[in-house]
N, C-alpha and C. Protein backbone atom coordinates (compact mmCIF):
# COMPACT_ATOMS: atom_id res chain seq x y z
N MET A 1 118.38 149.79 101.15
CA MET A 1 118.47 148.44 101.56
C MET A 1 117.52 148.34 103.00
N LYS A 2 116.88 150.10 103.39
CA LYS A 2 115.55 149.62 104.57
C LYS A 2 114.59 149.22 102.96
N LYS A 3 114.46 149.77 102.13
CA LYS A 3 112.99 149.89 101.14
C LYS A 3 113.58 148.61 100.83
N LEU A 4 114.07 148.18 100.25
CA LEU A 4 113.94 146.45 99.92
C LEU A 4 113.21 145.85 100.88
N SER A 5 114.26 145.87 102.78
CA SER A 5 113.46 144.73 103.21
C SER A 5 112.41 144.63 103.77
N GLY A 6 111.97 146.36 103.24
CA GLY A 6 110.36 146.60 103.71
C GLY A 6 109.33 146.24 102.98
N LEU A 7 109.84 145.78 101.55
CA LEU A 7 108.93 145.19 100.46
C LEU A 7 109.04 144.03 100.39
N LEU A 8 110.26 143.39 101.06
CA LEU A 8 110.16 141.87 100.95
C LEU A 8 109.23 141.18 101.95
N ILE A 9 109.72 142.15 103.51
CA ILE A 9 108.07 141.93 104.85
C ILE A 9 106.81 142.19 103.76
N THR A 10 106.50 142.98 103.06
CA THR A 10 105.02 143.26 102.65
C THR A 10 104.32 142.26 101.92
N VAL A 11 105.21 141.85 100.94
CA VAL A 11 105.21 140.64 100.09
C VAL A 11 104.77 139.69 100.96
N VAL A 12 105.62 139.15 101.60
CA VAL A 12 105.44 137.83 102.66
C VAL A 12 104.03 138.52 103.20
N VAL A 13 103.80 139.30 104.35
CA VAL A 13 102.74 139.26 104.55
C VAL A 13 101.47 139.46 103.77
N LEU A 14 101.54 140.08 102.74
CA LEU A 14 100.46 139.40 101.76
C LEU A 14 100.16 138.19 101.25
N ALA A 15 101.57 137.10 100.79
CA ALA A 15 101.41 136.00 100.17
C ALA A 15 100.83 135.25 101.80
N GLY A 16 101.27 135.37 102.83
CA GLY A 16 100.47 134.79 103.94
C GLY A 16 99.07 134.84 104.15
N LEU A 17 98.66 136.37 104.24
CA LEU A 17 96.97 136.32 103.99
C LEU A 17 96.44 136.02 102.96
N LEU A 18 97.25 136.19 101.54
CA LEU A 18 96.44 135.35 100.86
C LEU A 18 96.05 133.89 100.82
N GLY A 19 97.66 133.36 101.55
CA GLY A 19 97.31 131.83 101.80
C GLY A 19 96.71 131.61 102.79
N ILE A 20 96.09 132.38 103.68
CA ILE A 20 95.15 131.93 104.72
C ILE A 20 93.53 131.99 104.02
N GLY A 21 93.64 132.86 103.78
CA GLY A 21 92.33 132.94 102.62
C GLY A 21 91.93 131.95 101.82
N THR A 22 93.21 131.35 101.26
CA THR A 22 92.83 130.68 100.19
C THR A 22 92.15 129.02 100.73
N GLN A 23 93.56 128.87 101.74
CA GLN A 23 93.08 127.49 102.71
C GLN A 23 91.57 127.88 102.99
N MET A 24 91.09 128.79 103.61
CA MET A 24 90.19 129.19 104.43
C MET A 24 88.95 128.42 103.52
N TYR A 25 89.07 128.67 102.33
CA TYR A 25 88.02 128.38 101.37
C TYR A 25 88.28 126.91 100.63
N VAL A 26 89.32 126.86 100.48
CA VAL A 26 89.21 125.11 99.97
C VAL A 26 89.39 123.93 100.71
N SER A 27 89.80 124.22 102.11
CA SER A 27 90.20 123.27 102.91
C SER A 27 88.93 123.60 103.96
N VAL A 28 87.43 123.57 103.23
CA VAL A 28 86.17 123.31 103.95
C VAL A 28 86.33 121.76 105.02
N ASP A 29 86.19 122.18 106.37
CA ASP A 29 85.99 121.14 107.19
C ASP A 29 84.52 121.13 107.99
N ASP A 30 83.77 120.28 107.78
CA ASP A 30 82.39 120.82 108.85
C ASP A 30 82.16 120.08 109.85
N LEU A 31 83.77 119.49 110.43
CA LEU A 31 83.92 119.19 111.83
C LEU A 31 84.76 119.73 112.88
N ALA A 32 84.68 120.80 112.22
CA ALA A 32 85.73 121.89 112.48
C ALA A 32 84.87 122.27 113.79
N GLY A 33 83.91 122.34 114.18
CA GLY A 33 83.27 123.29 115.53
C GLY A 33 83.02 121.67 116.44
N CYS A 34 82.98 120.72 115.82
CA CYS A 34 82.60 119.62 116.72
C CYS A 34 83.60 118.89 117.58
N GLU A 35 83.25 118.45 118.55
CA GLU A 35 84.29 117.23 119.66
C GLU A 35 84.40 116.15 118.42
N ASP A 36 85.46 115.16 119.68
CA ASP A 36 86.18 114.14 118.65
C ASP A 36 85.24 113.42 118.27
N ARG A 37 83.76 113.51 119.22
CA ARG A 37 83.40 111.91 118.78
C ARG A 37 82.05 113.05 118.46
N PRO A 38 80.92 111.92 117.86
CA PRO A 38 79.75 112.83 117.53
C PRO A 38 78.87 113.27 118.14
N THR A 39 78.24 114.29 118.37
CA THR A 39 77.17 114.74 119.34
C THR A 39 75.75 114.84 118.47
N THR A 40 75.51 116.11 118.51
CA THR A 40 74.12 116.60 117.73
C THR A 40 73.93 117.40 116.72
N GLY A 41 72.80 118.21 116.02
CA GLY A 41 72.94 119.01 114.99
C GLY A 41 74.25 118.64 113.83
N GLY A 42 74.77 119.53 113.73
CA GLY A 42 75.74 119.22 112.60
C GLY A 42 77.12 118.39 112.86
N CYS A 43 76.88 117.96 114.11
CA CYS A 43 77.74 116.54 114.44
C CYS A 43 77.35 115.40 114.98
N VAL A 44 76.41 115.49 114.28
CA VAL A 44 75.68 113.71 114.57
C VAL A 44 76.70 112.56 113.57
N LYS A 45 76.22 111.26 113.98
CA LYS A 45 76.62 110.55 113.49
C LYS A 45 76.12 110.50 112.08
N ALA A 46 77.50 110.09 111.26
CA ALA A 46 77.46 109.80 109.64
C ALA A 46 77.08 107.88 109.14
N ASP A 47 76.53 107.64 108.24
CA ASP A 47 76.19 106.13 107.95
C ASP A 47 77.67 105.25 107.47
N ALA A 48 78.89 106.35 106.54
CA ALA A 48 79.91 106.21 106.05
C ALA A 48 80.79 107.29 105.82
N ILE A 49 82.03 106.88 106.33
CA ILE A 49 83.45 107.90 106.03
C ILE A 49 83.93 107.65 104.41
N VAL A 50 83.88 108.03 104.12
CA VAL A 50 84.12 108.04 102.47
C VAL A 50 86.32 108.51 102.12
N ALA A 51 86.93 108.02 101.89
CA ALA A 51 88.33 107.79 101.74
C ALA A 51 88.38 108.04 100.07
N ILE A 52 89.25 109.02 99.53
CA ILE A 52 89.48 109.00 97.76
C ILE A 52 90.39 109.49 97.92
N SER A 53 91.31 108.17 96.64
CA SER A 53 93.14 107.72 96.59
C SER A 53 93.02 109.55 95.38
N GLY A 54 94.05 109.60 95.41
CA GLY A 54 94.70 110.98 94.88
C GLY A 54 95.69 111.57 96.03
N GLY A 55 96.62 112.26 95.32
CA GLY A 55 97.49 112.82 96.40
C GLY A 55 98.28 111.90 97.33
N ASP A 56 98.01 112.31 98.62
CA ASP A 56 98.45 111.74 99.60
C ASP A 56 97.61 110.86 99.98
N THR A 57 97.31 109.51 98.77
CA THR A 57 96.63 108.68 99.51
C THR A 57 96.14 107.74 100.98
N SER A 58 97.72 107.99 101.25
CA SER A 58 97.86 107.16 102.43
C SER A 58 97.10 108.44 103.91
N ALA A 59 97.24 109.55 103.77
CA ALA A 59 97.11 110.31 104.84
C ALA A 59 95.84 110.65 104.55
N ARG A 60 95.19 110.40 103.56
CA ARG A 60 93.39 110.32 103.44
C ARG A 60 93.11 109.28 103.86
N THR A 61 93.82 108.03 103.98
CA THR A 61 92.63 106.67 104.32
C THR A 61 93.12 106.72 106.10
N ALA A 62 94.50 107.43 106.81
CA ALA A 62 94.66 107.58 107.90
C ALA A 62 93.64 107.82 108.53
N GLU A 63 93.43 109.21 107.84
CA GLU A 63 92.17 110.42 108.98
C GLU A 63 90.50 109.82 108.91
N ALA A 64 90.39 109.17 107.19
CA ALA A 64 89.14 108.25 107.76
C ALA A 64 89.31 106.84 108.28
N VAL A 65 90.03 106.26 108.53
CA VAL A 65 89.96 105.41 109.81
C VAL A 65 90.44 106.24 111.46
N GLU A 66 90.68 107.11 111.15
CA GLU A 66 91.13 107.20 112.40
C GLU A 66 89.46 108.29 113.00
N LEU A 67 88.56 108.86 112.09
CA LEU A 67 87.08 109.36 112.33
C LEU A 67 86.42 108.16 112.37
N TYR A 68 86.77 106.57 111.83
CA TYR A 68 85.92 105.89 111.83
C TYR A 68 86.38 105.55 113.62
N LYS A 69 87.38 105.33 113.57
CA LYS A 69 87.99 104.50 115.20
C LYS A 69 87.00 105.91 116.38
N ARG A 70 86.80 106.86 115.98
CA ARG A 70 86.00 107.52 116.98
C ARG A 70 84.45 107.83 116.79
N GLY A 71 84.14 107.00 116.04
CA GLY A 71 82.83 107.07 116.39
C GLY A 71 81.69 107.55 115.38
N TRP A 72 82.72 108.03 114.08
CA TRP A 72 81.69 109.21 113.40
C TRP A 72 81.11 107.91 112.62
N ALA A 73 81.26 106.84 112.36
CA ALA A 73 80.65 105.96 111.47
C ALA A 73 80.78 104.87 111.24
N GLY A 74 80.09 104.25 111.57
CA GLY A 74 80.31 102.46 111.57
C GLY A 74 80.72 101.65 109.95
N THR A 75 80.60 102.23 108.89
CA THR A 75 81.16 102.21 107.62
C THR A 75 82.21 102.86 106.82
N LEU A 76 83.25 102.18 106.50
CA LEU A 76 83.80 103.10 105.81
C LEU A 76 84.41 102.99 103.68
N ILE A 77 83.88 103.91 103.34
CA ILE A 77 84.01 103.32 101.91
C ILE A 77 85.24 103.95 101.36
N VAL A 78 86.08 102.94 100.07
CA VAL A 78 87.06 103.39 99.74
C VAL A 78 87.54 103.78 98.32
N SER A 79 87.50 104.43 97.57
CA SER A 79 87.20 104.66 96.11
C SER A 79 88.83 105.26 95.40
N GLY A 80 88.71 104.02 94.66
CA GLY A 80 90.02 105.04 93.53
C GLY A 80 90.58 103.31 92.67
N ALA A 81 90.30 103.71 91.25
CA ALA A 81 91.02 102.71 90.25
C ALA A 81 92.71 102.97 90.88
N ALA A 82 93.07 101.87 89.49
CA ALA A 82 94.66 101.06 89.87
C ALA A 82 95.18 102.46 89.27
N LEU A 83 96.66 102.70 89.64
CA LEU A 83 97.41 103.88 88.58
C LEU A 83 97.86 102.79 87.71
N ASP A 84 98.62 101.75 87.72
CA ASP A 84 98.95 101.20 87.11
C ASP A 84 98.00 99.94 86.77
N PRO A 85 97.44 99.39 85.75
CA PRO A 85 96.35 98.38 85.51
C PRO A 85 96.55 97.16 85.95
N THR A 86 98.12 97.30 85.56
CA THR A 86 98.27 95.52 85.95
C THR A 86 98.52 95.40 87.96
N GLY A 87 98.26 96.61 88.03
CA GLY A 87 98.24 95.97 89.88
C GLY A 87 97.12 96.33 90.75
N PRO A 88 97.20 96.33 92.11
CA PRO A 88 95.90 96.01 92.47
C PRO A 88 95.33 97.66 92.62
N SER A 89 94.36 97.94 92.49
CA SER A 89 93.65 99.27 92.81
C SER A 89 94.06 99.86 93.82
N ASN A 90 93.75 101.80 93.92
CA ASN A 90 93.93 102.22 95.09
C ASN A 90 93.03 101.95 95.87
N ALA A 91 91.97 101.71 95.98
CA ALA A 91 90.66 101.18 96.85
C ALA A 91 91.30 99.90 97.49
N ALA A 92 91.59 99.02 96.67
CA ALA A 92 92.51 97.52 97.47
C ALA A 92 93.21 98.20 98.28
N THR A 93 94.30 98.78 98.23
CA THR A 93 95.29 99.49 98.77
C THR A 93 95.06 100.25 100.09
N MET A 94 93.89 101.04 99.82
CA MET A 94 93.28 101.70 101.06
C MET A 94 92.86 100.51 102.04
N ARG A 95 92.11 99.81 101.44
CA ARG A 95 91.42 98.25 102.14
C ARG A 95 92.14 97.77 103.21
N ALA A 96 93.75 97.54 102.50
CA ALA A 96 94.49 96.52 103.17
C ALA A 96 95.33 97.70 104.02
N GLU A 97 95.23 99.35 103.72
CA GLU A 97 95.67 100.11 105.11
C GLU A 97 95.16 100.14 106.01
N ALA A 98 93.55 100.10 105.90
CA ALA A 98 92.83 100.54 106.80
C ALA A 98 92.80 99.06 107.67
N ILE A 99 92.64 98.09 107.19
CA ILE A 99 92.32 96.38 107.85
C ILE A 99 93.84 96.59 108.96
N ARG A 100 94.40 96.83 108.80
CA ARG A 100 95.83 96.78 109.25
C ARG A 100 95.79 98.15 110.40
N ALA A 101 95.50 98.95 110.06
CA ALA A 101 95.26 99.63 110.81
C ALA A 101 93.79 99.78 111.90
N GLY A 102 93.23 98.44 111.80
CA GLY A 102 92.20 98.02 112.68
C GLY A 102 90.87 97.80 112.66
N VAL A 103 90.52 98.76 111.29
CA VAL A 103 89.08 98.27 110.83
C VAL A 103 88.80 97.04 110.59
N PRO A 104 87.61 96.34 110.63
CA PRO A 104 87.47 94.73 110.03
C PRO A 104 86.56 95.28 108.79
N SER A 105 87.37 94.13 108.06
CA SER A 105 87.38 93.74 107.01
C SER A 105 85.70 93.79 106.59
N ASN A 106 84.73 93.73 107.28
CA ASN A 106 83.54 93.69 107.25
C ASN A 106 82.81 94.97 106.97
N ARG A 107 83.58 95.61 107.40
CA ARG A 107 83.07 97.33 107.91
C ARG A 107 83.43 98.35 106.52
N ILE A 108 84.18 97.51 105.26
CA ILE A 108 84.88 98.10 104.63
C ILE A 108 84.29 98.20 103.22
N LEU A 109 83.97 99.14 102.61
CA LEU A 109 82.76 98.71 101.27
C LEU A 109 84.16 99.88 100.21
N VAL A 110 84.43 99.15 98.56
CA VAL A 110 84.90 99.56 98.23
C VAL A 110 84.37 100.03 96.49
N ASP A 111 85.08 100.82 96.00
CA ASP A 111 84.53 101.47 94.49
C ASP A 111 86.01 100.92 94.16
N GLU A 112 86.50 100.36 93.09
CA GLU A 112 87.74 100.05 92.47
C GLU A 112 88.20 100.58 90.74
N LEU A 113 86.68 101.55 90.54
CA LEU A 113 86.75 102.01 89.24
C LEU A 113 87.23 103.24 89.11
N SER A 114 86.88 104.30 89.74
CA SER A 114 86.74 105.72 89.98
C SER A 114 88.38 106.01 89.69
N GLN A 115 88.39 106.87 88.32
CA GLN A 115 89.79 106.97 87.72
C GLN A 115 89.72 109.13 88.26
N ASP A 116 88.95 109.25 88.96
CA ASP A 116 88.86 110.92 89.34
C ASP A 116 88.27 111.66 90.01
N THR A 117 87.51 112.42 90.75
CA THR A 117 86.60 113.03 91.56
C THR A 117 85.36 112.86 91.50
N SER A 118 85.25 113.16 89.83
CA SER A 118 83.98 112.92 89.43
C SER A 118 83.79 111.20 89.44
N GLY A 119 84.46 110.46 88.61
CA GLY A 119 83.72 108.96 89.05
C GLY A 119 83.84 108.84 90.58
N ASN A 120 85.16 109.16 91.28
CA ASN A 120 84.66 108.87 93.44
C ASN A 120 83.28 109.02 93.36
N ALA A 121 82.99 110.38 93.31
CA ALA A 121 81.47 110.67 93.24
C ALA A 121 80.59 109.93 93.49
N LYS A 122 80.34 108.88 91.84
CA LYS A 122 79.36 108.70 91.02
C LYS A 122 79.58 107.10 91.37
N GLY A 123 80.61 106.16 91.94
CA GLY A 123 80.86 105.22 92.25
C GLY A 123 80.98 105.39 93.92
N VAL A 124 81.34 106.36 94.75
CA VAL A 124 80.55 106.40 96.28
C VAL A 124 79.23 106.12 96.13
N ALA A 125 78.69 106.98 95.17
CA ALA A 125 77.32 107.21 95.54
C ALA A 125 76.19 105.82 95.26
N MET A 126 76.49 105.36 94.58
CA MET A 126 76.31 103.49 93.73
C MET A 126 76.33 102.77 95.08
N VAL A 127 77.76 103.11 95.51
CA VAL A 127 78.01 102.15 96.40
C VAL A 127 76.88 102.14 97.66
N ALA A 128 76.75 103.49 97.96
CA ALA A 128 75.99 104.19 99.19
C ALA A 128 74.59 103.90 99.33
N ARG A 129 73.88 103.87 97.89
CA ARG A 129 72.90 103.23 97.28
C ARG A 129 72.53 102.17 97.49
N GLU A 130 73.25 101.20 97.44
CA GLU A 130 73.14 100.05 97.33
C GLU A 130 73.18 99.44 98.42
N HIS A 131 73.80 100.25 99.47
CA HIS A 131 73.36 99.60 100.89
C HIS A 131 72.80 101.00 101.84
N ASP A 132 72.15 101.63 101.14
CA ASP A 132 71.57 102.60 102.12
C ASP A 132 72.37 103.68 102.62
N LEU A 133 73.12 104.21 102.58
CA LEU A 133 73.81 104.74 102.90
C LEU A 133 73.67 106.62 102.97
N ARG A 134 73.03 107.13 103.61
CA ARG A 134 72.32 108.38 103.08
C ARG A 134 73.21 110.00 103.37
N ARG A 135 73.83 109.38 104.72
CA ARG A 135 74.95 110.11 105.58
C ARG A 135 76.45 110.19 105.44
N VAL A 136 77.09 110.81 104.39
CA VAL A 136 78.55 110.68 104.29
C VAL A 136 79.66 111.56 105.05
N ILE A 137 80.41 111.40 105.19
CA ILE A 137 81.87 112.56 105.22
C ILE A 137 82.68 112.32 104.55
N VAL A 138 83.25 113.37 103.24
CA VAL A 138 83.99 112.84 102.67
C VAL A 138 85.67 113.42 103.24
N VAL A 139 86.47 112.20 103.06
CA VAL A 139 87.93 112.93 103.18
C VAL A 139 88.63 112.73 102.26
N THR A 140 89.68 113.87 101.77
CA THR A 140 90.27 114.27 101.24
C THR A 140 91.48 115.17 101.70
N SER A 141 92.49 115.48 101.00
CA SER A 141 93.53 116.07 100.88
C SER A 141 92.95 117.51 100.71
N PRO A 142 93.65 118.58 101.65
CA PRO A 142 92.84 119.56 101.78
C PRO A 142 92.75 121.27 101.22
N TYR A 143 93.49 120.60 99.61
CA TYR A 143 93.85 121.41 98.77
C TYR A 143 92.61 120.91 97.60
N HIS A 144 91.99 119.98 98.25
CA HIS A 144 91.28 119.20 97.09
C HIS A 144 89.74 119.27 97.82
N GLN A 145 89.48 119.52 98.58
CA GLN A 145 88.30 119.33 100.02
C GLN A 145 87.09 119.98 98.94
N ARG A 146 87.07 121.31 99.25
CA ARG A 146 86.16 122.27 98.20
C ARG A 146 85.19 121.57 97.06
N ARG A 147 86.36 121.51 95.84
CA ARG A 147 85.96 120.35 94.92
C ARG A 147 85.29 119.60 95.11
N ALA A 148 86.00 118.32 95.76
CA ALA A 148 85.30 117.08 96.38
C ALA A 148 84.36 117.30 96.80
N GLU A 149 83.55 118.56 97.73
CA GLU A 149 82.21 118.75 98.54
C GLU A 149 81.52 119.03 97.44
N LEU A 150 81.99 119.97 96.05
CA LEU A 150 80.98 120.20 95.07
C LEU A 150 80.08 118.96 94.67
N VAL A 151 81.46 117.97 94.26
CA VAL A 151 81.00 116.98 92.94
C VAL A 151 80.32 116.04 93.93
N PHE A 152 80.19 115.81 95.04
CA PHE A 152 79.74 114.73 95.67
C PHE A 152 78.57 115.36 96.30
N GLU A 153 78.50 116.39 96.26
CA GLU A 153 77.25 116.95 96.57
C GLU A 153 75.88 116.90 95.64
N ARG A 154 76.59 117.01 94.52
CA ARG A 154 75.82 116.97 93.08
C ARG A 154 75.20 115.15 92.65
N ALA A 155 76.29 114.65 93.85
CA ALA A 155 76.21 113.01 93.55
C ALA A 155 74.82 112.69 94.12
N PHE A 156 74.81 113.04 95.19
CA PHE A 156 73.97 112.54 96.14
C PHE A 156 73.32 113.41 96.53
N MET A 157 72.82 114.40 95.74
CA MET A 157 71.05 115.69 96.47
C MET A 157 70.06 114.67 96.30
N ASP A 158 69.80 113.85 95.37
CA ASP A 158 68.34 113.40 95.47
C ASP A 158 68.52 112.40 96.62
N PHE A 159 69.65 111.94 97.50
CA PHE A 159 69.33 111.17 98.25
C PHE A 159 69.90 110.94 99.23
N GLY A 160 71.16 111.61 99.49
CA GLY A 160 71.37 112.00 100.81
C GLY A 160 72.37 113.36 101.30
N SER A 161 72.87 113.34 102.15
CA SER A 161 73.83 114.48 102.45
C SER A 161 75.07 114.45 102.47
N VAL A 162 75.56 115.06 102.47
CA VAL A 162 77.09 115.50 102.25
C VAL A 162 77.79 116.17 103.20
N ARG A 163 79.11 115.62 104.09
CA ARG A 163 80.03 116.36 104.64
C ARG A 163 81.41 116.29 104.80
N SER A 164 82.30 117.11 105.09
CA SER A 164 83.28 117.45 104.74
C SER A 164 84.17 117.57 105.40
N HIS A 165 85.73 116.63 105.70
CA HIS A 165 87.00 116.76 106.17
C HIS A 165 87.80 116.39 105.62
N PRO A 166 89.23 117.43 105.94
CA PRO A 166 90.00 117.42 105.13
C PRO A 166 91.10 116.17 106.16
N THR A 167 92.24 116.02 105.35
CA THR A 167 93.41 115.57 106.16
C THR A 167 93.94 116.59 107.27
N GLN A 168 94.48 115.85 108.28
CA GLN A 168 95.25 116.89 108.83
C GLN A 168 96.81 117.00 108.85
N GLY A 169 97.04 115.91 107.75
CA GLY A 169 98.81 115.70 107.65
C GLY A 169 98.94 114.91 106.30
N ASP A 170 98.81 116.02 105.62
CA ASP A 170 99.39 115.87 103.93
C ASP A 170 100.16 116.02 103.68
N GLN A 171 101.18 115.76 102.92
CA GLN A 171 102.58 115.68 102.50
C GLN A 171 102.70 117.35 101.46
N TYR A 172 101.57 116.97 101.08
CA TYR A 172 101.62 118.19 99.65
C TYR A 172 100.81 119.54 100.29
N TRP A 173 100.87 119.42 101.43
CA TRP A 173 99.93 120.46 102.05
C TRP A 173 100.26 120.81 103.49
N PRO A 174 101.70 121.56 103.74
CA PRO A 174 102.19 121.65 105.01
C PRO A 174 102.06 122.65 105.70
N PRO A 175 102.46 123.04 107.10
CA PRO A 175 101.26 123.92 107.50
C PRO A 175 101.77 125.24 106.58
N LEU A 176 102.69 125.52 106.83
CA LEU A 176 102.93 126.68 105.68
C LEU A 176 103.23 126.41 104.51
N TRP A 177 101.87 125.87 103.64
CA TRP A 177 101.92 125.55 102.35
C TRP A 177 102.57 126.91 101.40
N TRP A 178 101.79 127.76 101.47
CA TRP A 178 102.07 129.24 100.79
C TRP A 178 103.41 129.89 100.95
N THR A 179 103.86 128.93 101.46
CA THR A 179 105.59 129.41 100.92
C THR A 179 106.79 128.54 100.12
N GLN A 180 105.60 127.17 99.50
CA GLN A 180 105.97 127.06 98.23
C GLN A 180 105.67 126.57 97.30
N PRO A 181 106.28 127.12 96.14
CA PRO A 181 105.78 127.32 95.06
C PRO A 181 104.90 126.22 94.88
N GLY A 182 105.35 124.93 94.78
CA GLY A 182 104.70 123.86 94.51
C GLY A 182 103.33 124.01 94.38
N SER A 183 103.02 124.07 96.39
CA SER A 183 101.94 124.39 96.74
C SER A 183 101.16 125.18 96.16
N TRP A 184 101.65 126.27 95.10
CA TRP A 184 101.08 126.88 94.64
C TRP A 184 100.01 127.11 93.68
N ILE A 185 101.15 126.10 92.45
CA ILE A 185 100.64 125.34 91.42
C ILE A 185 99.52 124.45 92.05
N LEU A 186 99.74 123.80 92.70
CA LEU A 186 98.50 123.09 92.95
C LEU A 186 97.54 123.38 93.34
N VAL A 187 97.54 124.33 94.33
CA VAL A 187 95.69 124.79 94.78
C VAL A 187 95.14 125.99 93.85
N ILE A 188 96.27 126.39 92.81
CA ILE A 188 95.38 127.10 91.68
C ILE A 188 94.94 126.05 90.63
N GLY A 189 95.60 125.16 90.74
CA GLY A 189 95.04 123.96 89.43
C GLY A 189 93.64 123.26 90.37
N GLU A 190 93.59 123.30 91.23
CA GLU A 190 92.10 122.47 91.99
C GLU A 190 91.54 124.45 91.94
N MET A 191 91.84 125.53 92.24
CA MET A 191 91.02 126.97 92.29
C MET A 191 90.18 126.40 90.61
N ALA A 192 91.10 126.27 89.74
CA ALA A 192 90.50 126.39 88.23
C ALA A 192 89.21 125.19 88.37
N LYS A 193 89.65 124.32 88.56
CA LYS A 193 88.52 123.03 88.68
C LYS A 193 87.46 123.49 89.38
N THR A 194 87.78 124.43 90.51
CA THR A 194 86.32 124.44 91.46
C THR A 194 85.60 125.46 90.47
N VAL A 195 86.13 126.43 89.75
CA VAL A 195 85.27 127.47 89.07
C VAL A 195 84.79 126.45 87.80
N ALA A 196 85.12 125.70 87.66
CA ALA A 196 84.19 124.80 86.57
C ALA A 196 83.54 123.99 86.89
N GLU A 197 83.14 123.54 87.81
CA GLU A 197 82.35 122.64 88.83
C GLU A 197 81.37 124.03 89.47
N LEU A 198 81.59 125.03 89.80
CA LEU A 198 80.80 125.70 90.32
C LEU A 198 79.83 126.00 89.07
N SER A 199 80.12 126.12 87.52
CA SER A 199 79.71 126.71 86.32
C SER A 199 78.63 126.07 86.11
N LYS A 200 79.05 124.49 86.91
CA LYS A 200 77.81 123.39 86.63
C LYS A 200 76.56 123.75 86.84
N GLY A 201 76.49 124.24 88.22
CA GLY A 201 75.34 124.46 88.77
C GLY A 201 75.27 123.18 89.62
N SER A 202 73.93 122.79 89.76
CA SER A 202 73.13 121.37 90.68
C SER A 202 73.36 120.50 89.61
N GLN A 203 73.41 120.68 88.29
CA GLN A 203 73.00 119.43 87.37
C GLN A 203 73.76 118.46 87.68
N PRO A 204 73.74 117.15 87.93
CA PRO A 204 73.96 115.93 87.54
C PRO A 204 75.24 116.14 86.90
């Protein structure tokens, strides 16, 4: 019994360490060392905050709105096509949520055509170019942040710069996510997609 208990403790500890290491890689946060509001250096104000749909879309929108309210940018870009072609786009729903949360409608730009992360990056880059928004902060779920950063950096590489900031309260990423089998399935899938993105190098 003691050996079994010791083995179980070892497995839990190893799973925790693996989970922490995985989280540090996938959940990149370029604002982690910054104060609540923009200052200098790597913590300067951006031109736009980008929220992309998928996963816990409401959490992503809320986090982007919070950054907007704290002065991290004067423009919010929401991106995502409709899950149901007969209904409103994800971006339209996100825009409505942002307006209800206090963001002026004239400070929100919309990309309603993007159906995946690559589409989000290309669509947002197009909107950003049209409005000369060169520095963006991309907000998405923690497990999705690293891959999103890679894809957006490729889309912005000859135009601007990208920083990352993951949601702080995502329903699919609980504080002890590594104790949930579903979370492991989610992050393993993201890691595989991230490796595929890395294999593309810096080519657009």
